[in-house]
Every structure is written in C-alpha cells, then in structure tokens.
Protein backbone atom coordinates (compact mmCIF):
# COMPACT_ATOMS: atom_id res chain seq x y z
CA MET A 1 113.72 56.56 137.08
CA ASN A 2 114.69 59.30 139.35
CA GLY A 3 117.08 60.60 137.49
CA ILE A 4 118.79 57.78 137.13
CA VAL A 5 120.59 56.58 133.82
CA LYS A 6 119.61 52.79 133.33
CA SER A 7 122.90 51.00 130.42
CA ASN A 8 120.16 49.52 128.48
CA ASP A 9 119.22 53.82 128.15
CA ILE A 10 122.45 54.66 127.51
CA ASN A 11 122.53 52.42 124.01
CA ASN A 12 119.18 54.42 122.72
CA VAL A 13 121.10 57.61 122.84
CA THR A 14 122.14 58.26 118.69
CA GLN A 15 125.46 60.42 118.18
CA PRO A 16 125.10 63.53 115.52
CA LYS A 17 126.84 63.23 112.58
CA ILE A 18 129.91 65.38 111.65
CA LYS A 19 128.41 66.41 108.74
CA ASP A 20 125.27 67.46 110.15
CA ALA A 21 127.30 69.69 112.72
CA PHE A 22 128.42 71.43 109.83
CA ILE A 23 125.62 72.12 108.12
CA LYS A 24 124.00 73.40 111.04
CA ALA A 25 127.25 76.33 111.66
CA LYS A 26 127.38 77.17 107.96
CA THR A 27 123.83 77.99 106.86
CA THR A 28 124.06 79.80 110.79
CA LYS A 29 125.30 83.59 110.31
CA TYR A 30 125.56 86.86 112.92
CA ASP A 31 123.15 89.80 113.21
CA THR A 32 123.24 92.78 111.78
CA GLN A 33 124.56 94.69 114.72
CA TYR A 34 126.69 91.79 116.02
CA PRO A 35 130.60 93.76 115.87
CA CYS A 36 132.04 91.14 113.74
CA GLN A 37 129.41 91.71 111.57
CA ILE A 38 129.69 95.27 110.89
CA GLU A 39 133.97 95.56 111.38
CA LEU A 40 132.95 94.15 108.34
CA ASN A 41 131.04 95.54 106.27
CA ASN A 42 132.89 98.77 107.32
CA MET A 43 136.10 97.52 106.00
CA ILE A 44 134.45 96.63 102.70
CA VAL A 45 132.99 99.84 102.80
CA ASN A 46 135.80 102.06 103.38
CA TYR A 47 138.91 99.67 102.48
CA LEU A 48 138.05 98.12 98.95
CA ILE A 49 135.65 100.96 97.79
CA ILE A 50 136.99 104.00 99.10
CA ASP A 51 140.42 103.79 99.58
CA LEU A 52 140.25 101.31 96.66
CA GLY A 53 137.40 102.94 94.45
CA LEU A 54 136.04 99.10 93.72
CA SER A 55 133.16 99.91 92.10
CA LEU A 56 130.06 98.88 94.72
CA SER A 57 129.21 95.94 92.63
CA ILE A 58 132.29 94.44 93.67
CA VAL A 59 130.44 92.99 96.75
CA GLU A 60 127.80 90.53 94.50
CA ARG A 61 130.13 89.33 92.13
CA ALA A 62 130.93 85.10 93.42
CA THR A 63 134.05 85.19 93.21
CA PHE A 64 134.44 87.69 96.40
CA LEU A 65 131.50 86.02 98.66
CA ARG A 66 133.20 83.09 98.11
CA ALA A 67 136.36 85.09 99.72
CA MET A 68 134.26 86.38 102.58
CA SER A 69 132.76 83.72 103.23
CA LYS A 70 136.10 82.89 103.17
CA VAL A 71 137.34 85.06 105.36
CA ASP A 72 134.26 83.99 108.09
CA SER A 73 131.48 81.46 107.37
CA LYS A 74 129.36 83.38 109.32
CA PHE A 75 129.78 86.38 108.01
CA HIS A 76 126.87 88.21 105.58
CA VAL A 77 127.53 90.71 102.20
CA GLN A 78 125.07 93.00 102.27
CA SER A 79 123.97 94.25 99.00
CA ARG A 80 125.51 97.31 96.92
CA ARG A 81 122.36 97.85 97.09
CA GLY A 82 121.92 97.23 101.01
CA ILE A 83 125.68 99.01 101.77
C-alpha cells in the first residue's frame, strides 16, 4: 500500500456517532491535582462552607451535584469526608 489510500478503503471507514462523543466527554473527570479541580474545591470550602456557613453535607446533596456539573462537567465534587 505504501501509505496510499485507495478509494475503496475510504468507504469502509465509519464515522463516530455524536452521542458516543458526548458520553466519553461526560465521563472524563479532572485529575485531583488539575488546577481547575483545585480551584473549584477551594471555592467550595472557602466561599460556601466557611464564608456562607453552609454545612459540609451540602456537597453530597443531589441539587448541589447537579449545579456543579453545570458549572463544569469535568469537576469531581469531593465528599464531605474528603474536604
């Protein structure tokens, strides 16, 4: 073949489905040392828990988890024990 693609080979290539691309992107989370992950964790602790006096249990409530997934779908919210 020598790196040359025949016209027949192009027809055999399948394009990924859109829904598969979104599923893969949705499941990918930041590493614990990723700057955005650290910044959002610090924001939750400093602004919501310390400054506003909210309970640590807020991070385990479904509404909070949905809100944070809207803020950044790659962000992984730590449990109250992890904070």
